[in-house]
Amino acid sequence: MNYKIRLAIVLALIWVLLSGMFKPLMLGFGAFSVVFAVWMTSRMQHIDHERYRFFITLSFIPFFIKLGIKIVQSNIDVCARILGFRPVESTFITIKMPYKDDVAKVLYAHAITLTPGSSSIALDDNTLLVHTISEQGARDLANGDMFDIMPKQYALNDNDIGPS
């Protein structure tokens, strides 16, 4: 029950911060959305008893900063390719998944997808298929470009797989 209250508070705060509107209708929509999300989450707990604890620590501050820098750099690169200053060299690459924790795998795949010009396509236990707009982007991913920005709290696989 405790997690439902925390979830409701976090969702309500996010709703208010993102909407910035305090009209009764908007607050009603927000309240409905929060109640619906908490109800849906509790229903999912009855079906799927696996719960992942996702702890945000101080190691996420440099992660978000580095990810923001990567997003800006990727935006500039994609704009240069759209405007014709650089060629578009669409390619797929398979990257060895350097993490054993499911949350770390998803965070890694989403961090790659958040950068314009690359998109995580398929994730399995040991590999991640990524589409990039350039061969240079594929080489950067293969050399561990995104691996270096991940929070250090996530352990590597037992085989100590690094960037491939």
C-alpha atoms as a PDB file:
ATOM      1  CA  MET A   1       0.000   0.000   0.000  1.00  0.00           C
ATOM      2  CA  ASN A   2       2.910   2.321   0.747  1.00  0.00           C
ATOM      3  CA  TYR A   3       4.164   2.233  -2.857  1.00  0.00           C
ATOM      4  CA  LYS A   4       0.713   3.288  -4.104  1.00  0.00           C
ATOM      5  CA  ILE A   5       0.821   6.464  -2.030  1.00  0.00           C
ATOM      6  CA  ARG A   6       4.356   7.277  -3.173  1.00  0.00           C
ATOM      7  CA  LEU A   7       3.407   6.593  -6.788  1.00  0.00           C
ATOM      8  CA  ALA A   8       0.315   8.803  -6.516  1.00  0.00           C
ATOM      9  CA  ILE A   9       2.341  11.666  -5.026  1.00  0.00           C
ATOM     10  CA  VAL A  10       5.051  11.428  -7.695  1.00  0.00           C
ATOM     11  CA  LEU A  11       2.519  11.220 -10.527  1.00  0.00           C
ATOM     12  CA  ALA A  12       0.510  14.146  -9.150  1.00  0.00           C
ATOM     13  CA  LEU A  13       3.645  16.290  -8.843  1.00  0.00           C
ATOM     14  CA  ILE A  14       4.724  15.421 -12.377  1.00  0.00           C
ATOM     15  CA  TRP A  15       1.231  16.222 -13.675  1.00  0.00           C
ATOM     16  CA  VAL A  16       1.183  19.639 -11.988  1.00  0.00           C
ATOM     17  CA  LEU A  17       4.735  20.498 -13.038  1.00  0.00           C
ATOM     18  CA  LEU A  18       4.211  19.498 -16.659  1.00  0.00           C
ATOM     19  CA  SER A  19       0.746  20.964 -17.137  1.00  0.00           C
ATOM     20  CA  GLY A  20       1.191  24.174 -15.140  1.00  0.00           C
ATOM     21  CA  MET A  21      -2.571  24.633 -15.211  1.00  0.00           C
ATOM     22  CA  PHE A  22      -4.663  24.930 -12.078  1.00  0.00           C
ATOM     23  CA  LYS A  23      -8.137  25.127 -13.553  1.00  0.00           C
ATOM     24  CA  PRO A  24     -10.627  22.716 -11.981  1.00  0.00           C
ATOM     25  CA  LEU A  25     -11.143  20.782 -15.214  1.00  0.00           C
ATOM     26  CA  MET A  26      -7.399  20.221 -15.701  1.00  0.00           C
ATOM     27  CA  LEU A  27      -6.903  19.269 -12.053  1.00  0.00           C
ATOM     28  CA  GLY A  28      -9.804  16.823 -12.433  1.00  0.00           C
ATOM     29  CA  PHE A  29      -8.184  15.262 -15.498  1.00  0.00           C
ATOM     30  CA  GLY A  30      -4.922  15.025 -13.576  1.00  0.00           C
ATOM     31  CA  ALA A  31      -6.578  13.412 -10.569  1.00  0.00           C
ATOM     32  CA  PHE A  32      -8.375  10.934 -12.817  1.00  0.00           C
ATOM     33  CA  SER A  33      -5.113  10.088 -14.597  1.00  0.00           C
ATOM     34  CA  VAL A  34      -3.263   9.564 -11.315  1.00  0.00           C
ATOM     35  CA  VAL A  35      -6.017   7.361  -9.870  1.00  0.00           C
ATOM     36  CA  PHE A  36      -6.204   5.361 -13.108  1.00  0.00           C
ATOM     37  CA  ALA A  37      -2.408   4.884 -13.248  1.00  0.00           C
ATOM     38  CA  VAL A  38      -2.240   3.778  -9.599  1.00  0.00           C
ATOM     39  CA  TRP A  39      -5.168   1.397 -10.119  1.00  0.00           C
ATOM     40  CA  MET A  40      -3.592  -0.040 -13.273  1.00  0.00           C
ATOM     41  CA  THR A  41      -0.278  -0.493 -11.480  1.00  0.00           C
ATOM     42  CA  SER A  42      -1.923  -2.324  -8.595  1.00  0.00           C
ATOM     43  CA  ARG A  43      -3.776  -4.578 -11.055  1.00  0.00           C
ATOM     44  CA  MET A  44      -0.485  -5.377 -12.769  1.00  0.00           C
ATOM     45  CA  GLN A  45       0.997  -6.334  -9.382  1.00  0.00           C
ATOM     46  CA  HIS A  46      -1.686  -9.004  -9.001  1.00  0.00           C
ATOM     47  CA  ILE A  47      -0.810 -10.482 -12.385  1.00  0.00           C
ATOM     48  CA  ASP A  48       2.949 -10.019 -12.416  1.00  0.00           C
ATOM     49  CA  HIS A  49       4.543 -10.340  -9.002  1.00  0.00           C
ATOM     50  CA  GLU A  50       7.983  -9.329 -10.225  1.00  0.00           C
ATOM     51  CA  ARG A  51       8.890  -5.870  -9.044  1.00  0.00           C
ATOM     52  CA  TYR A  52      11.997  -4.029 -10.028  1.00  0.00           C
ATOM     53  CA  ARG A  53      13.477  -1.620  -7.575  1.00  0.00           C
ATOM     54  CA  PHE A  54      14.836   1.352  -9.419  1.00  0.00           C
ATOM     55  CA  PHE A  55      16.948   3.478  -7.114  1.00  0.00           C
ATOM     56  CA  ILE A  56      18.007   6.870  -8.310  1.00  0.00           C
ATOM     57  CA  THR A  57      21.356   7.676  -6.749  1.00  0.00           C
ATOM     58  CA  LEU A  58      23.844  10.496  -7.155  1.00  0.00           C
ATOM     59  CA  SER A  59      25.405   8.587 -10.068  1.00  0.00           C
ATOM     60  CA  PHE A  60      22.359   9.570 -12.147  1.00  0.00           C
ATOM     61  CA  ILE A  61      23.286  13.269 -12.082  1.00  0.00           C
ATOM     62  CA  PRO A  62      26.365  12.822 -14.316  1.00  0.00           C
ATOM     63  CA  PHE A  63      24.377  10.309 -16.404  1.00  0.00           C
ATOM     64  CA  PHE A  64      21.646  12.856 -17.166  1.00  0.00           C
ATOM     65  CA  ILE A  65      24.202  15.562 -17.904  1.00  0.00           C
ATOM     66  CA  LYS A  66      26.209  13.299 -20.241  1.00  0.00           C
ATOM     67  CA  LEU A  67      23.014  12.046 -21.885  1.00  0.00           C
ATOM     68  CA  GLY A  68      21.885  15.641 -22.453  1.00  0.00           C
ATOM     69  CA  ILE A  69      25.214  16.444 -24.093  1.00  0.00           C
ATOM     70  CA  LYS A  70      24.921  13.342 -26.312  1.00  0.00           C
ATOM     71  CA  ILE A  71      21.386  14.373 -27.319  1.00  0.00           C
ATOM     72  CA  VAL A  72      22.544  17.858 -28.327  1.00  0.00           C
ATOM     73  CA  GLN A  73      25.529  16.456 -30.252  1.00  0.00           C
ATOM     74  CA  SER A  74      23.290  13.945 -32.028  1.00  0.00           C
ATOM     75  CA  ASN A  75      20.776  16.663 -32.910  1.00  0.00           C
ATOM     76  CA  ILE A  76      23.538  18.696 -34.543  1.00  0.00           C
ATOM     77  CA  ASP A  77      24.772  15.623 -36.436  1.00  0.00           C
ATOM     78  CA  VAL A  78      21.277  14.709 -37.675  1.00  0.00           C
ATOM     79  CA  CYS A  79      20.626  18.320 -38.764  1.00  0.00           C
ATOM     80  CA  ALA A  80      23.896  18.330 -40.718  1.00  0.00           C
ATOM     81  CA  ARG A  81      22.845  15.105 -42.442  1.00  0.00           C
ATOM     82  CA  ILE A  82      19.357  16.411 -43.233  1.00  0.00           C
ATOM     83  CA  LEU A  83      20.786  19.610 -44.699  1.00  0.00           C
ATOM     84  CA  GLY A  84      23.213  17.611 -46.841  1.00  0.00           C
ATOM     85  CA  PHE A  85      26.476  18.634 -45.150  1.00  0.00           C
ATOM     86  CA  ARG A  86      27.122  15.002 -44.184  1.00  0.00           C
ATOM     87  CA  PRO A  87      25.958  11.823 -45.922  1.00  0.00           C
ATOM     88  CA  VAL A  88      23.169   9.618 -44.576  1.00  0.00           C
ATOM     89  CA  GLU A  89      24.617   6.114 -44.201  1.00  0.00           C
ATOM     90  CA  SER A  90      21.803   4.148 -42.607  1.00  0.00           C
ATOM     91  CA  THR A  91      23.084   0.989 -40.952  1.00  0.00           C
ATOM     92  CA  PHE A  92      22.253  -1.653 -38.364  1.00  0.00           C
ATOM     93  CA  ILE A  93      24.639  -2.816 -35.673  1.00  0.00           C
ATOM     94  CA  THR A  94      24.440  -5.542 -33.053  1.00  0.00           C
ATOM     95  CA  ILE A  95      25.992  -4.615 -29.736  1.00  0.00           C
ATOM     96  CA  LYS A  96      26.856  -7.067 -26.988  1.00  0.00           C
ATOM     97  CA  MET A  97      24.746  -6.215 -23.961  1.00  0.00           C
ATOM     98  CA  PRO A  98      27.178  -5.251 -21.200  1.00  0.00           C
ATOM     99  CA  TYR A  99      24.661  -5.585 -18.346  1.00  0.00           C
ATOM    100  CA  LYS A 100      22.985  -8.492 -16.603  1.00  0.00           C
ATOM    101  CA  ASP A 101      20.334  -6.476 -14.762  1.00  0.00           C
ATOM    102  CA  ASP A 102      17.084  -6.076 -16.731  1.00  0.00           C
ATOM    103  CA  VAL A 103      16.594  -2.471 -15.602  1.00  0.00           C
ATOM    104  CA  ALA A 104      20.132  -1.602 -16.713  1.00  0.00           C
ATOM    105  CA  LYS A 105      19.517  -3.219 -20.107  1.00  0.00           C
ATOM    106  CA  VAL A 106      16.355  -1.191 -20.648  1.00  0.00           C
ATOM    107  CA  LEU A 107      17.996   2.030 -19.452  1.00  0.00           C
ATOM    108  CA  TYR A 108      20.923   1.431 -21.820  1.00  0.00           C
ATOM    109  CA  ALA A 109      18.605   0.735 -24.780  1.00  0.00           C
ATOM    110  CA  HIS A 110      16.460   3.790 -24.023  1.00  0.00           C
ATOM    111  CA  ALA A 111      19.506   6.031 -23.649  1.00  0.00           C
ATOM    112  CA  ILE A 112      20.584   4.962 -27.143  1.00  0.00           C
ATOM    113  CA  THR A 113      17.092   5.581 -28.532  1.00  0.00           C
ATOM    114  CA  LEU A 114      16.874   9.033 -26.919  1.00  0.00           C
ATOM    115  CA  THR A 115      19.808  10.247 -28.972  1.00  0.00           C
ATOM    116  CA  PRO A 116      18.575  11.333 -32.410  1.00  0.00           C
ATOM    117  CA  GLY A 117      19.952   9.280 -35.259  1.00  0.00           C
ATOM    118  CA  SER A 118      19.901   5.981 -33.391  1.00  0.00           C
ATOM    119  CA  SER A 119      17.135   3.652 -32.336  1.00  0.00           C
ATOM    120  CA  SER A 120      17.178   0.428 -30.338  1.00  0.00           C
ATOM    121  CA  ILE A 121      15.275  -2.155 -32.356  1.00  0.00           C
ATOM    122  CA  ALA A 122      15.517  -5.482 -30.533  1.00  0.00           C
ATOM    123  CA  LEU A 123      16.815  -6.437 -27.114  1.00  0.00           C
ATOM    124  CA  ASP A 124      17.532  -9.946 -25.951  1.00  0.00           C
ATOM    125  CA  ASP A 125      19.631 -11.406 -23.147  1.00  0.00           C
ATOM    126  CA  ASN A 126      23.059 -10.720 -24.630  1.00  0.00           C
ATOM    127  CA  THR A 127      22.645  -8.391 -27.610  1.00  0.00           C
ATOM    128  CA  LEU A 128      20.977  -5.172 -28.676  1.00  0.00           C
ATOM    129  CA  LEU A 129      20.125  -4.438 -32.315  1.00  0.00           C
ATOM    130  CA  VAL A 130      20.448  -0.720 -33.088  1.00  0.00           C
ATOM    131  CA  HIS A 131      19.668   1.262 -36.237  1.00  0.00           C
ATOM    132  CA  THR A 132      21.828   4.338 -36.815  1.00  0.00           C
ATOM    133  CA  ILE A 133      21.672   7.085 -39.403  1.00  0.00           C
ATOM    134  CA  SER A 134      25.434   6.995 -39.912  1.00  0.00           C
ATOM    135  CA  GLU A 135      28.266   4.505 -39.966  1.00  0.00           C
ATOM    136  CA  GLN A 136      30.194   6.796 -37.612  1.00  0.00           C
ATOM    137  CA  GLY A 137      27.361   6.520 -35.085  1.00  0.00           C
ATOM    138  CA  ALA A 138      27.480   2.743 -35.369  1.00  0.00           C
ATOM    139  CA  ARG A 139      31.253   2.753 -34.829  1.00  0.00           C
ATOM    140  CA  ASP A 140      30.858   5.019 -31.802  1.00  0.00           C
ATOM    141  CA  LEU A 141      28.311   2.645 -30.273  1.00  0.00           C
ATOM    142  CA  ALA A 142      30.545  -0.344 -30.987  1.00  0.00           C
ATOM    143  CA  ASN A 143      33.423   1.453 -29.257  1.00  0.00           C
ATOM    144  CA  GLY A 144      31.361   2.032 -26.101  1.00  0.00           C
ATOM    145  CA  ASP A 145      30.219   5.616 -26.621  1.00  0.00           C
ATOM    146  CA  MET A 146      26.948   5.142 -24.707  1.00  0.00           C
ATOM    147  CA  PHE A 147      28.428   2.547 -22.363  1.00  0.00           C
ATOM    148  CA  ASP A 148      30.667   5.222 -20.862  1.00  0.00           C
ATOM    149  CA  ILE A 149      27.787   7.442 -19.733  1.00  0.00           C
ATOM    150  CA  MET A 150      25.763   4.782 -17.893  1.00  0.00           C
ATOM    151  CA  PRO A 151      25.481   5.053 -14.097  1.00  0.00           C
ATOM    152  CA  LYS A 152      28.246   3.075 -12.435  1.00  0.00           C
ATOM    153  CA  GLN A 153      25.851   1.328 -10.024  1.00  0.00           C
ATOM    154  CA  TYR A 154      24.990  -1.278 -12.655  1.00  0.00           C
ATOM    155  CA  ALA A 155      27.219  -4.324 -12.620  1.00  0.00           C
ATOM    156  CA  LEU A 156      28.661  -5.805 -15.762  1.00  0.00           C
ATOM    157  CA  ASN A 157      27.914  -9.352 -16.831  1.00  0.00           C
ATOM    158  CA  ASP A 158      29.818 -12.124 -15.116  1.00  0.00           C
ATOM    159  CA  ASN A 159      32.003 -12.417 -18.213  1.00  0.00           C
ATOM    160  CA  ASP A 160      32.919  -8.726 -17.831  1.00  0.00           C
ATOM    161  CA  ILE A 161      31.654  -7.935 -21.297  1.00  0.00           C
ATOM    162  CA  GLY A 162      32.602  -4.418 -22.212  1.00  0.00           C
ATOM    163  CA  PRO A 163      31.875  -2.552 -25.374  1.00  0.00           C
ATOM    164  CA  SER A 164      32.259  -4.816 -28.387  1.00  0.00           C
END
